[in-house]
Amino acid sequence: MTIEEQLRDLMIKKSGSVNKFSQEIGVPQSTIFSIFQRGVGKANINSIITICKALRISTDELANGRIVPIDNMLPDLEVLPNFWMTYNGLNDKNKEQVANYIEFLRKMQDEENGKEEK
């Protein structure tokens, strides 16, 4: 299923139809159907931001070909301060290694979930 098909399904799930969704968020239905046909990457950024906010999905992740609910992106708030304190204490080389490891883990997770890289 393409990212555009996934978006369409989310819109229908949220509002019952793409037409009703477009009315609720103030983005013309023709704009939404253009996104379905031409692709997310060719869409107006303001339309994408409005759609993502209404669907509560990450615009950054959508740009990477993934639909990720914003709620799933919130870290465990009890762990976050300790993580940042530790991270900020690292030298630049080790910070880069942390970033590389996070990217490695993301790719592994995508492979486990059967997602192809775009």
PDB file of N, CA and C in Angstrom:
ATOM      1  N   MET A   1       0.843  -1.180   0.000  1.00  0.00           N
ATOM      2  CA  MET A   1       0.000   0.000   0.000  1.00  0.00           C
ATOM      3  C   MET A   1       0.889   1.244   0.000  1.00  0.00           C
ATOM      4  N   THR A   2       0.622   2.157  -0.895  1.00  0.00           N
ATOM      5  CA  THR A   2       1.432   3.373  -0.983  1.00  0.00           C
ATOM      6  C   THR A   2       1.127   4.296   0.189  1.00  0.00           C
ATOM      7  N   ILE A   3       2.010   5.255   0.384  1.00  0.00           N
ATOM      8  CA  ILE A   3       1.810   6.231   1.457  1.00  0.00           C
ATOM      9  C   ILE A   3       0.539   7.043   1.204  1.00  0.00           C
ATOM     10  N   GLU A   4       0.254   7.325  -0.059  1.00  0.00           N
ATOM     11  CA  GLU A   4      -0.950   8.071  -0.408  1.00  0.00           C
ATOM     12  C   GLU A   4      -2.209   7.259  -0.104  1.00  0.00           C
ATOM     13  N   GLU A   5      -2.159   5.955  -0.358  1.00  0.00           N
ATOM     14  CA  GLU A   5      -3.299   5.089  -0.025  1.00  0.00           C
ATOM     15  C   GLU A   5      -3.504   5.015   1.483  1.00  0.00           C
ATOM     16  N   GLN A   6      -2.399   4.983   2.219  1.00  0.00           N
ATOM     17  CA  GLN A   6      -2.494   4.976   3.674  1.00  0.00           C
ATOM     18  C   GLN A   6      -3.116   6.273   4.190  1.00  0.00           C
ATOM     19  N   LEU A   7      -2.719   7.400   3.593  1.00  0.00           N
ATOM     20  CA  LEU A   7      -3.307   8.691   3.967  1.00  0.00           C
ATOM     21  C   LEU A   7      -4.807   8.687   3.710  1.00  0.00           C
ATOM     22  N   ARG A   8      -5.198   8.229   2.524  1.00  0.00           N
ATOM     23  CA  ARG A   8      -6.620   8.171   2.180  1.00  0.00           C
ATOM     24  C   ARG A   8      -7.394   7.337   3.199  1.00  0.00           C
ATOM     25  N   ASP A   9      -6.850   6.181   3.561  1.00  0.00           N
ATOM     26  CA  ASP A   9      -7.523   5.321   4.536  1.00  0.00           C
ATOM     27  C   ASP A   9      -7.662   6.010   5.891  1.00  0.00           C
ATOM     28  N   LEU A  10      -6.622   6.743   6.316  1.00  0.00           N
ATOM     29  CA  LEU A  10      -6.696   7.466   7.591  1.00  0.00           C
ATOM     30  C   LEU A  10      -7.754   8.569   7.547  1.00  0.00           C
ATOM     31  N   MET A  11      -7.834   9.260   6.423  1.00  0.00           N
ATOM     32  CA  MET A  11      -8.838  10.317   6.277  1.00  0.00           C
ATOM     33  C   MET A  11     -10.254   9.744   6.372  1.00  0.00           C
ATOM     34  N   ILE A  12     -10.461   8.626   5.693  1.00  0.00           N
ATOM     35  CA  ILE A  12     -11.777   7.980   5.715  1.00  0.00           C
ATOM     36  C   ILE A  12     -12.084   7.460   7.115  1.00  0.00           C
ATOM     37  N   LYS A  13     -11.095   6.882   7.765  1.00  0.00           N
ATOM     38  CA  LYS A  13     -11.290   6.387   9.129  1.00  0.00           C
ATOM     39  C   LYS A  13     -11.654   7.533  10.084  1.00  0.00           C
ATOM     40  N   LYS A  14     -10.998   8.681   9.908  1.00  0.00           N
ATOM     41  CA  LYS A  14     -11.231   9.823  10.796  1.00  0.00           C
ATOM     42  C   LYS A  14     -12.572  10.492  10.545  1.00  0.00           C
ATOM     43  N   SER A  15     -12.933  10.672   9.267  1.00  0.00           N
ATOM     44  CA  SER A  15     -14.086  11.519   8.947  1.00  0.00           C
ATOM     45  C   SER A  15     -15.205  10.830   8.179  1.00  0.00           C
ATOM     46  N   GLY A  16     -14.983   9.606   7.765  1.00  0.00           N
ATOM     47  CA  GLY A  16     -16.018   8.892   7.015  1.00  0.00           C
ATOM     48  C   GLY A  16     -15.852   8.982   5.509  1.00  0.00           C
ATOM     49  N   SER A  17     -15.237  10.070   5.039  1.00  0.00           N
ATOM     50  CA  SER A  17     -14.970  10.220   3.614  1.00  0.00           C
ATOM     51  C   SER A  17     -13.872  11.272   3.423  1.00  0.00           C
ATOM     52  N   VAL A  18     -13.240  11.222   2.268  1.00  0.00           N
ATOM     53  CA  VAL A  18     -12.209  12.214   1.953  1.00  0.00           C
ATOM     54  C   VAL A  18     -12.851  13.588   1.824  1.00  0.00           C
ATOM     55  N   ASN A  19     -14.050  13.653   1.221  1.00  0.00           N
ATOM     56  CA  ASN A  19     -14.740  14.929   1.049  1.00  0.00           C
ATOM     57  C   ASN A  19     -15.025  15.580   2.402  1.00  0.00           C
ATOM     58  N   LYS A  20     -15.547  14.814   3.332  1.00  0.00           N
ATOM     59  CA  LYS A  20     -15.854  15.364   4.657  1.00  0.00           C
ATOM     60  C   LYS A  20     -14.568  15.794   5.367  1.00  0.00           C
ATOM     61  N   PHE A  21     -13.513  14.985   5.252  1.00  0.00           N
ATOM     62  CA  PHE A  21     -12.227  15.333   5.853  1.00  0.00           C
ATOM     63  C   PHE A  21     -11.733  16.665   5.294  1.00  0.00           C
ATOM     64  N   SER A  22     -11.805  16.825   3.976  1.00  0.00           N
ATOM     65  CA  SER A  22     -11.316  18.065   3.356  1.00  0.00           C
ATOM     66  C   SER A  22     -12.115  19.267   3.859  1.00  0.00           C
ATOM     67  N   GLN A  23     -13.411  19.117   4.030  1.00  0.00           N
ATOM     68  CA  GLN A  23     -14.241  20.204   4.556  1.00  0.00           C
ATOM     69  C   GLN A  23     -13.856  20.539   5.997  1.00  0.00           C
ATOM     70  N   GLU A  24     -13.606  19.511   6.799  1.00  0.00           N
ATOM     71  CA  GLU A  24     -13.268  19.716   8.216  1.00  0.00           C
ATOM     72  C   GLU A  24     -11.961  20.473   8.392  1.00  0.00           C
ATOM     73  N   ILE A  25     -11.002  20.238   7.511  1.00  0.00           N
ATOM     74  CA  ILE A  25      -9.683  20.859   7.696  1.00  0.00           C
ATOM     75  C   ILE A  25      -9.456  22.076   6.810  1.00  0.00           C
ATOM     76  N   GLY A  26     -10.376  22.334   5.879  1.00  0.00           N
ATOM     77  CA  GLY A  26     -10.245  23.509   5.024  1.00  0.00           C
ATOM     78  C   GLY A  26      -9.259  23.380   3.889  1.00  0.00           C
ATOM     79  N   VAL A  27      -8.945  22.164   3.496  1.00  0.00           N
ATOM     80  CA  VAL A  27      -8.088  21.923   2.331  1.00  0.00           C
ATOM     81  C   VAL A  27      -9.008  21.413   1.221  1.00  0.00           C
ATOM     82  N   PRO A  28      -8.993  22.064   0.058  1.00  0.00           N
ATOM     83  CA  PRO A  28      -9.894  21.635  -1.014  1.00  0.00           C
ATOM     84  C   PRO A  28      -9.728  20.153  -1.367  1.00  0.00           C
ATOM     85  N   GLN A  29     -10.861  19.537  -1.673  1.00  0.00           N
ATOM     86  CA  GLN A  29     -10.840  18.124  -2.047  1.00  0.00           C
ATOM     87  C   GLN A  29      -9.950  17.909  -3.270  1.00  0.00           C
ATOM     88  N   SER A  30      -9.941  18.856  -4.197  1.00  0.00           N
ATOM     89  CA  SER A  30      -9.099  18.731  -5.395  1.00  0.00           C
ATOM     90  C   SER A  30      -7.614  18.683  -5.024  1.00  0.00           C
ATOM     91  N   THR A  31      -7.230  19.424  -3.983  1.00  0.00           N
ATOM     92  CA  THR A  31      -5.838  19.403  -3.513  1.00  0.00           C
ATOM     93  C   THR A  31      -5.496  18.034  -2.947  1.00  0.00           C
ATOM     94  N   ILE A  32      -6.403  17.482  -2.166  1.00  0.00           N
ATOM     95  CA  ILE A  32      -6.162  16.161  -1.561  1.00  0.00           C
ATOM     96  C   ILE A  32      -6.064  15.092  -2.649  1.00  0.00           C
ATOM     97  N   PHE A  33      -6.966  15.136  -3.624  1.00  0.00           N
ATOM     98  CA  PHE A  33      -6.904  14.142  -4.696  1.00  0.00           C
ATOM     99  C   PHE A  33      -5.651  14.320  -5.554  1.00  0.00           C
ATOM    100  N   SER A  34      -5.179  15.546  -5.673  1.00  0.00           N
ATOM    101  CA  SER A  34      -3.921  15.790  -6.381  1.00  0.00           C
ATOM    102  C   SER A  34      -2.756  15.130  -5.636  1.00  0.00           C
ATOM    103  N   ILE A  35      -2.790  15.198  -4.312  1.00  0.00           N
ATOM    104  CA  ILE A  35      -1.758  14.535  -3.507  1.00  0.00           C
ATOM    105  C   ILE A  35      -1.800  13.030  -3.737  1.00  0.00           C
ATOM    106  N   PHE A  36      -3.008  12.467  -3.790  1.00  0.00           N
ATOM    107  CA  PHE A  36      -3.142  11.027  -4.034  1.00  0.00           C
ATOM    108  C   PHE A  36      -2.558  10.644  -5.390  1.00  0.00           C
ATOM    109  N   GLN A  37      -2.784  11.471  -6.405  1.00  0.00           N
ATOM    110  CA  GLN A  37      -2.355  11.153  -7.761  1.00  0.00           C
ATOM    111  C   GLN A  37      -0.884  11.469  -8.016  1.00  0.00           C
ATOM    112  N   ARG A  38      -0.429  12.639  -7.552  1.00  0.00           N
ATOM    113  CA  ARG A  38       0.932  13.087  -7.862  1.00  0.00           C
ATOM    114  C   ARG A  38       1.944  12.666  -6.812  1.00  0.00           C
ATOM    115  N   GLY A  39       1.471  12.383  -5.605  1.00  0.00           N
ATOM    116  CA  GLY A  39       2.371  11.960  -4.546  1.00  0.00           C
ATOM    117  C   GLY A  39       2.581  13.032  -3.497  1.00  0.00           C
ATOM    118  N   VAL A  40       2.893  12.584  -2.303  1.00  0.00           N
ATOM    119  CA  VAL A  40       3.120  13.470  -1.167  1.00  0.00           C
ATOM    120  C   VAL A  40       4.281  14.417  -1.443  1.00  0.00           C
ATOM    121  N   GLY A  41       5.325  13.920  -2.079  1.00  0.00           N
ATOM    122  CA  GLY A  41       6.522  14.706  -2.317  1.00  0.00           C
ATOM    123  C   GLY A  41       6.320  15.903  -3.227  1.00  0.00           C
ATOM    124  N   LYS A  42       5.256  15.913  -4.005  1.00  0.00           N
ATOM    125  CA  LYS A  42       4.992  17.021  -4.925  1.00  0.00           C
ATOM    126  C   LYS A  42       3.903  17.953  -4.412  1.00  0.00           C
ATOM    127  N   ALA A  43       3.481  17.725  -3.185  1.00  0.00           N
ATOM    128  CA  ALA A  43       2.378  18.511  -2.619  1.00  0.00           C
ATOM    129  C   ALA A  43       2.880  19.799  -1.978  1.00  0.00           C
ATOM    130  N   ASN A  44       1.985  20.749  -1.851  1.00  0.00           N
ATOM    131  CA  ASN A  44       2.265  22.004  -1.154  1.00  0.00           C
ATOM    132  C   ASN A  44       2.491  21.700   0.323  1.00  0.00           C
ATOM    133  N   ILE A  45       3.573  22.214   0.869  1.00  0.00           N
ATOM    134  CA  ILE A  45       3.942  21.910   2.255  1.00  0.00           C
ATOM    135  C   ILE A  45       2.865  22.345   3.239  1.00  0.00           C
ATOM    136  N   ASN A  46       2.204  23.465   2.975  1.00  0.00           N
ATOM    137  CA  ASN A  46       1.158  23.927   3.889  1.00  0.00           C
ATOM    138  C   ASN A  46      -0.017  22.949   3.937  1.00  0.00           C
ATOM    139  N   SER A  47      -0.357  22.380   2.788  1.00  0.00           N
ATOM    140  CA  SER A  47      -1.430  21.381   2.751  1.00  0.00           C
ATOM    141  C   SER A  47      -1.023  20.135   3.530  1.00  0.00           C
ATOM    142  N   ILE A  48       0.220  19.708   3.338  1.00  0.00           N
ATOM    143  CA  ILE A  48       0.711  18.518   4.044  1.00  0.00           C
ATOM    144  C   ILE A  48       0.708  18.755   5.549  1.00  0.00           C
ATOM    145  N   ILE A  49       1.155  19.908   5.986  1.00  0.00           N
ATOM    146  CA  ILE A  49       1.176  20.211   7.423  1.00  0.00           C
ATOM    147  C   ILE A  49      -0.235  20.195   7.988  1.00  0.00           C
ATOM    148  N   THR A  50      -1.177  20.797   7.279  1.00  0.00           N
ATOM    149  CA  THR A  50      -2.568  20.819   7.736  1.00  0.00           C
ATOM    150  C   THR A  50      -3.133  19.409   7.838  1.00  0.00           C
ATOM    151  N   ILE A  51      -2.873  18.596   6.827  1.00  0.00           N
ATOM    152  CA  ILE A  51      -3.355  17.208   6.821  1.00  0.00           C
ATOM    153  C   ILE A  51      -2.732  16.421   7.974  1.00  0.00           C
ATOM    154  N   CYS A  52      -1.427  16.556   8.143  1.00  0.00           N
ATOM    155  CA  CYS A  52      -0.731  15.826   9.207  1.00  0.00           C
ATOM    156  C   CYS A  52      -1.243  16.222  10.591  1.00  0.00           C
ATOM    157  N   LYS A  53      -1.464  17.515  10.804  1.00  0.00           N
ATOM    158  CA  LYS A  53      -1.992  17.965  12.094  1.00  0.00           C
ATOM    159  C   LYS A  53      -3.360  17.361  12.362  1.00  0.00           C
ATOM    160  N   ALA A  54      -4.212  17.358  11.343  1.00  0.00           N
ATOM    161  CA  ALA A  54      -5.566  16.817  11.507  1.00  0.00           C
ATOM    162  C   ALA A  54      -5.541  15.312  11.780  1.00  0.00           C
ATOM    163  N   LEU A  55      -4.606  14.611  11.144  1.00  0.00           N
ATOM    164  CA  LEU A  55      -4.502  13.158  11.331  1.00  0.00           C
ATOM    165  C   LEU A  55      -3.600  12.785  12.507  1.00  0.00           C
ATOM    166  N   ARG A  56      -2.956  13.783  13.098  1.00  0.00           N
ATOM    167  CA  ARG A  56      -2.036  13.589  14.220  1.00  0.00           C
ATOM    168  C   ARG A  56      -0.908  12.627  13.852  1.00  0.00           C
ATOM    169  N   ILE A  57      -0.306  12.907  12.668  1.00  0.00           N
ATOM    170  CA  ILE A  57       0.843  12.128  12.226  1.00  0.00           C
ATOM    171  C   ILE A  57       2.013  13.073  12.008  1.00  0.00           C
ATOM    172  N   SER A  58       3.210  12.523  12.036  1.00  0.00           N
ATOM    173  CA  SER A  58       4.439  13.293  11.899  1.00  0.00           C
ATOM    174  C   SER A  58       4.684  13.703  10.450  1.00  0.00           C
ATOM    175  N   THR A  59       4.889  15.003  10.230  1.00  0.00           N
ATOM    176  CA  THR A  59       5.237  15.470   8.885  1.00  0.00           C
ATOM    177  C   THR A  59       6.628  14.980   8.484  1.00  0.00           C
ATOM    178  N   ASP A  60       7.550  14.959   9.437  1.00  0.00           N
ATOM    179  CA  ASP A  60       8.907  14.483   9.140  1.00  0.00           C
ATOM    180  C   ASP A  60       8.891  13.031   8.697  1.00  0.00           C
ATOM    181  N   GLU A  61       8.154  12.208   9.414  1.00  0.00           N
ATOM    182  CA  GLU A  61       8.090  10.789   9.059  1.00  0.00           C
ATOM    183  C   GLU A  61       7.366  10.586   7.731  1.00  0.00           C
ATOM    184  N   LEU A  62       6.328  11.398   7.482  1.00  0.00           N
ATOM    185  CA  LEU A  62       5.620  11.303   6.205  1.00  0.00           C
ATOM    186  C   LEU A  62       6.573  11.603   5.054  1.00  0.00           C
ATOM    187  N   ALA A  63       7.431  12.591   5.236  1.00  0.00           N
ATOM    188  CA  ALA A  63       8.422  12.930   4.207  1.00  0.00           C
ATOM    189  C   ALA A  63       9.383  11.768   3.960  1.00  0.00           C
ATOM    190  N   ASN A  64       9.561  10.914   4.963  1.00  0.00           N
ATOM    191  CA  ASN A  64      10.425   9.738   4.828  1.00  0.00           C
ATOM    192  C   ASN A  64       9.651   8.493   4.396  1.00  0.00           C
ATOM    193  N   GLY A  65       8.385   8.679   4.032  1.00  0.00           N
ATOM    194  CA  GLY A  65       7.592   7.566   3.513  1.00  0.00           C
ATOM    195  C   GLY A  65       6.962   6.693   4.572  1.00  0.00           C
ATOM    196  N   ARG A  66       6.828   7.235   5.778  1.00  0.00           N
ATOM    197  CA  ARG A  66       6.240   6.455   6.877  1.00  0.00           C
ATOM    198  C   ARG A  66       5.131   7.270   7.537  1.00  0.00           C
ATOM    199  N   ILE A  67       4.100   6.567   7.959  1.00  0.00           N
ATOM    200  CA  ILE A  67       3.051   7.213   8.733  1.00  0.00           C
ATOM    201  C   ILE A  67       3.251   6.813  10.183  1.00  0.00           C
ATOM    202  N   VAL A  68       3.561   7.805  10.997  1.00  0.00           N
ATOM    203  CA  VAL A  68       3.826   7.578  12.418  1.00  0.00           C
ATOM    204  C   VAL A  68       2.951   8.532  13.224  1.00  0.00           C
ATOM    205  N   PRO A  69       2.043   7.988  14.021  1.00  0.00           N
ATOM    206  CA  PRO A  69       1.233   8.856  14.883  1.00  0.00           C
ATOM    207  C   PRO A  69       2.120   9.663  15.828  1.00  0.00           C
ATOM    208  N   ILE A  70       1.773  10.914  16.025  1.00  0.00           N
ATOM    209  CA  ILE A  70       2.545  11.775  16.909  1.00  0.00           C
ATOM    210  C   ILE A  70       2.610  11.183  18.307  1.00  0.00           C
ATOM    211  N   ASP A  71       1.526  10.582  18.763  1.00  0.00           N
ATOM    212  CA  ASP A  71       1.484   9.993  20.100  1.00  0.00           C
ATOM    213  C   ASP A  71       2.545   8.912  20.282  1.00  0.00           C
ATOM    214  N   ASN A  72       2.891   8.211  19.195  1.00  0.00           N
ATOM    215  CA  ASN A  72       3.904   7.155  19.277  1.00  0.00           C
ATOM    216  C   ASN A  72       5.317   7.718  19.322  1.00  0.00           C
ATOM    217  N   MET A  73       5.450   9.018  19.085  1.00  0.00           N
ATOM    218  CA  MET A  73       6.775   9.620  19.038  1.00  0.00           C
ATOM    219  C   MET A  73       7.177  10.213  20.378  1.00  0.00           C
ATOM    220  N   LEU A  74       6.230  10.298  21.302  1.00  0.00           N
ATOM    221  CA  LEU A  74       6.545  10.893  22.592  1.00  0.00           C
ATOM    222  C   LEU A  74       7.393   9.935  23.412  1.00  0.00           C
ATOM    223  N   PRO A  75       8.535  10.381  23.873  1.00  0.00           N
ATOM    224  CA  PRO A  75       9.404   9.507  24.665  1.00  0.00           C
ATOM    225  C   PRO A  75       8.859   9.325  26.083  1.00  0.00           C
ATOM    226  N   ASP A  76       9.377   8.342  26.748  1.00  0.00           N
ATOM    227  CA  ASP A  76       9.070   8.145  28.155  1.00  0.00           C
ATOM    228  C   ASP A  76       9.657   9.330  28.905  1.00  0.00           C
ATOM    229  N   LEU A  77       8.797  10.182  29.417  1.00  0.00           N
ATOM    230  CA  LEU A  77       9.258  11.439  29.995  1.00  0.00           C
ATOM    231  C   LEU A  77      10.139  11.255  31.222  1.00  0.00           C
ATOM    232  N   GLU A  78      10.046  10.121  31.886  1.00  0.00           N
ATOM    233  CA  GLU A  78      10.904   9.877  33.051  1.00  0.00           C
ATOM    234  C   GLU A  78      12.342   9.588  32.622  1.00  0.00           C
ATOM    235  N   VAL A  79      12.526   9.042  31.445  1.00  0.00           N
ATOM    236  CA  VAL A  79      13.845   8.662  30.943  1.00  0.00           C
ATOM    237  C   VAL A  79      14.528   9.820  30.214  1.00  0.00           C
ATOM    238  N   LEU A  80      13.741  10.693  29.612  1.00  0.00           N
ATOM    239  CA  LEU A  80      14.281  11.735  28.752  1.00  0.00           C
ATOM    240  C   LEU A  80      15.304  12.658  29.422  1.00  0.00           C
ATOM    241  N   PRO A  81      15.043  13.215  30.603  1.00  0.00           N
ATOM    242  CA  PRO A  81      16.055  14.121  31.189  1.00  0.00           C
ATOM    243  C   PRO A  81      17.406  13.438  31.414  1.00  0.00           C
ATOM    244  N   ASN A  82      17.384  12.207  31.884  1.00  0.00           N
ATOM    245  CA  ASN A  82      18.631  11.475  32.115  1.00  0.00           C
ATOM    246  C   ASN A  82      19.351  11.211  30.793  1.00  0.00           C
ATOM    247  N   PHE A  83      18.583  10.864  29.757  1.00  0.00           N
ATOM    248  CA  PHE A  83      19.178  10.630  28.452  1.00  0.00           C
ATOM    249  C   PHE A  83      19.896  11.882  27.959  1.00  0.00           C
ATOM    250  N   TRP A  84      19.221  13.043  28.016  1.00  0.00           N
ATOM    251  CA  TRP A  84      19.816  14.279  27.511  1.00  0.00           C
ATOM    252  C   TRP A  84      21.022  14.705  28.332  1.00  0.00           C
ATOM    253  N   MET A  85      20.967  14.517  29.622  1.00  0.00           N
ATOM    254  CA  MET A  85      22.121  14.871  30.450  1.00  0.00           C
ATOM    255  C   MET A  85      23.320  14.010  30.072  1.00  0.00           C
ATOM    256  N   THR A  86      23.074  12.724  29.873  1.00  0.00           N
ATOM    257  CA  THR A  86      24.150  11.815  29.488  1.00  0.00           C
ATOM    258  C   THR A  86      24.669  12.163  28.093  1.00  0.00           C
ATOM    259  N   TYR A  87      23.750  12.366  27.154  1.00  0.00           N
ATOM    260  CA  TYR A  87      24.127  12.689  25.776  1.00  0.00           C
ATOM    261  C   TYR A  87      24.947  13.983  25.727  1.00  0.00           C
ATOM    262  N   ASN A  88      24.503  14.996  26.434  1.00  0.00           N
ATOM    263  CA  ASN A  88      25.210  16.284  26.419  1.00  0.00           C
ATOM    264  C   ASN A  88      26.612  16.192  27.020  1.00  0.00           C
ATOM    265  N   GLY A  89      26.848  15.188  27.844  1.00  0.00           N
ATOM    266  CA  GLY A  89      28.166  14.988  28.422  1.00  0.00           C
ATOM    267  C   GLY A  89      29.141  14.268  27.500  1.00  0.00           C
ATOM    268  N   LEU A  90      28.652  13.785  26.358  1.00  0.00           N
ATOM    269  CA  LEU A  90      29.507  13.074  25.412  1.00  0.00           C
ATOM    270  C   LEU A  90      30.299  14.047  24.553  1.00  0.00           C
ATOM    271  N   ASN A  91      31.450  13.576  24.063  1.00  0.00           N
ATOM    272  CA  ASN A  91      32.202  14.391  23.102  1.00  0.00           C
ATOM    273  C   ASN A  91      31.550  14.237  21.724  1.00  0.00           C
ATOM    274  N   ASP A  92      31.967  15.060  20.766  1.00  0.00           N
ATOM    275  CA  ASP A  92      31.339  15.078  19.446  1.00  0.00           C
ATOM    276  C   ASP A  92      31.411  13.728  18.742  1.00  0.00           C
ATOM    277  N   LYS A  93      32.530  13.033  18.890  1.00  0.00           N
ATOM    278  CA  LYS A  93      32.690  11.728  18.242  1.00  0.00           C
ATOM    279  C   LYS A  93      31.655  10.737  18.779  1.00  0.00           C
ATOM    280  N   ASN A  94      31.475  10.714  20.080  1.00  0.00           N
ATOM    281  CA  ASN A  94      30.513   9.792  20.675  1.00  0.00           C
ATOM    282  C   ASN A  94      29.073  10.183  20.364  1.00  0.00           C
ATOM    283  N   LYS A  95      28.798  11.482  20.260  1.00  0.00           N
ATOM    284  CA  LYS A  95      27.458  11.922  19.858  1.00  0.00           C
ATOM    285  C   LYS A  95      27.146  11.425  18.445  1.00  0.00           C
ATOM    286  N   GLU A  96      28.141  11.482  17.574  1.00  0.00           N
ATOM    287  CA  GLU A  96      27.958  10.987  16.214  1.00  0.00           C
ATOM    288  C   GLU A  96      27.691   9.479  16.222  1.00  0.00           C
ATOM    289  N   GLN A  97      28.395   8.746  17.087  1.00  0.00           N
ATOM    290  CA  GLN A  97      28.175   7.304  17.189  1.00  0.00           C
ATOM    291  C   GLN A  97      26.760   6.996  17.678  1.00  0.00           C
ATOM    292  N   VAL A  98      26.251   7.801  18.609  1.00  0.00           N
ATOM    293  CA  VAL A  98      24.881   7.620  19.085  1.00  0.00           C
ATOM    294  C   VAL A  98      23.901   7.827  17.923  1.00  0.00           C
ATOM    295  N   ALA A  99      24.101   8.886  17.141  1.00  0.00           N
ATOM    296  CA  ALA A  99      23.227   9.165  15.998  1.00  0.00           C
ATOM    297  C   ALA A  99      23.279   8.026  14.982  1.00  0.00           C
ATOM    298  N   ASN A 100      24.473   7.501  14.719  1.00  0.00           N
ATOM    299  CA  ASN A 100      24.610   6.378  13.784  1.00  0.00           C
ATOM    300  C   ASN A 100      23.911   5.135  14.306  1.00  0.00           C
ATOM    301  N   TYR A 101      24.021   4.893  15.604  1.00  0.00           N
ATOM    302  CA  TYR A 101      23.384   3.720  16.192  1.00  0.00           C
ATOM    303  C   TYR A 101      21.860   3.840  16.134  1.00  0.00           C
ATOM    304  N   ILE A 102      21.338   5.026  16.381  1.00  0.00           N
ATOM    305  CA  ILE A 102      19.892   5.238  16.299  1.00  0.00           C
ATOM    306  C   ILE A 102      19.406   4.973  14.876  1.00  0.00           C
ATOM    307  N   GLU A 103      20.139   5.457  13.884  1.00  0.00           N
ATOM    308  CA  GLU A 103      19.769   5.216  12.487  1.00  0.00           C
ATOM    309  C   GLU A 103      19.837   3.720  12.159  1.00  0.00           C
ATOM    310  N   PHE A 104      20.853   3.037  12.668  1.00  0.00           N
ATOM    311  CA  PHE A 104      20.975   1.588  12.479  1.00  0.00           C
ATOM    312  C   PHE A 104      19.761   0.869  13.072  1.00  0.00           C
ATOM    313  N   LEU A 105      19.369   1.241  14.288  1.00  0.00           N
ATOM    314  CA  LEU A 105      18.214   0.616  14.941  1.00  0.00           C
ATOM    315  C   LEU A 105      16.926   0.881  14.163  1.00  0.00           C
ATOM    316  N   ARG A 106      16.779   2.086  13.631  1.00  0.00           N
ATOM    317  CA  ARG A 106      15.584   2.419  12.855  1.00  0.00           C
ATOM    318  C   ARG A 106      15.496   1.536  11.611  1.00  0.00           C
ATOM    319  N   LYS A 107      16.633   1.358  10.926  1.00  0.00           N
ATOM    320  CA  LYS A 107      16.640   0.520   9.728  1.00  0.00           C
ATOM    321  C   LYS A 107      16.311  -0.927  10.074  1.00  0.00           C
ATOM    322  N   MET A 108      16.873  -1.409  11.188  1.00  0.00           N
ATOM    323  CA  MET A 108      16.583  -2.783  11.610  1.00  0.00           C
ATOM    324  C   MET A 108      15.094  -2.940  11.916  1.00  0.00           C
ATOM    325  N   GLN A 109      14.535  -1.964  12.595  1.00  0.00           N
ATOM    326  CA  GLN A 109      13.114  -2.018  12.938  1.00  0.00           C
ATOM    327  C   GLN A 109      12.254  -2.004  11.680  1.00  0.00           C
ATOM    328  N   ASP A 110      12.620  -1.157  10.711  1.00  0.00           N
ATOM    329  CA  ASP A 110      11.879  -1.107   9.456  1.00  0.00           C
ATOM    330  C   ASP A 110      11.931  -2.448   8.741  1.00  0.00           C
ATOM    331  N   GLU A 111      13.096  -3.084   8.739  1.00  0.00           N
ATOM    332  CA  GLU A 111      13.231  -4.392   8.102  1.00  0.00           C
ATOM    333  C   GLU A 111      12.380  -5.434   8.825  1.00  0.00           C
ATOM    334  N   GLU A 112      12.374  -5.388  10.147  1.00  0.00           N
ATOM    335  CA  GLU A 112      11.566  -6.324  10.930  1.00  0.00           C
ATOM    336  C   GLU A 112      10.081  -6.135  10.649  1.00  0.00           C
ATOM    337  N   ASN A 113       9.685  -4.891  10.381  1.00  0.00           N
ATOM    338  CA  ASN A 113       8.291  -4.592  10.108  1.00  0.00           C
ATOM    339  C   ASN A 113       7.939  -4.763   8.636  1.00  0.00           C
ATOM    340  N   GLY A 114       8.915  -5.191   7.827  1.00  0.00           N
ATOM    341  CA  GLY A 114       8.684  -5.443   6.419  1.00  0.00           C
ATOM    342  C   GLY A 114       8.571  -4.194   5.579  1.00  0.00           C
ATOM    343  N   LYS A 115       9.123  -3.091   6.069  1.00  0.00           N
ATOM    344  CA  LYS A 115       9.061  -1.843   5.312  1.00  0.00           C
ATOM    345  C   LYS A 115      10.288  -1.742   4.429  1.00  0.00           C
ATOM    346  N   GLU A 116      10.054  -1.236   3.221  1.00  0.00           N
ATOM    347  CA  GLU A 116      11.166  -0.993   2.321  1.00  0.00           C
ATOM    348  C   GLU A 116      11.598   0.444   2.462  1.00  0.00           C
ATOM    349  N   GLU A 117      12.890   0.676   2.325  1.00  0.00           N
ATOM    350  CA  GLU A 117      13.396   2.041   2.363  1.00  0.00           C
ATOM    351  C   GLU A 117      13.040   2.731   1.084  1.00  0.00           C
ATOM    352  N   LYS A 118      12.776   4.030   1.193  1.00  0.00           N
ATOM    353  CA  LYS A 118      12.430   4.845   0.025  1.00  0.00           C
ATOM    354  C   LYS A 118      13.671   5.528  -0.484  1.00  0.00           C
TER     355      LYS A 118
END
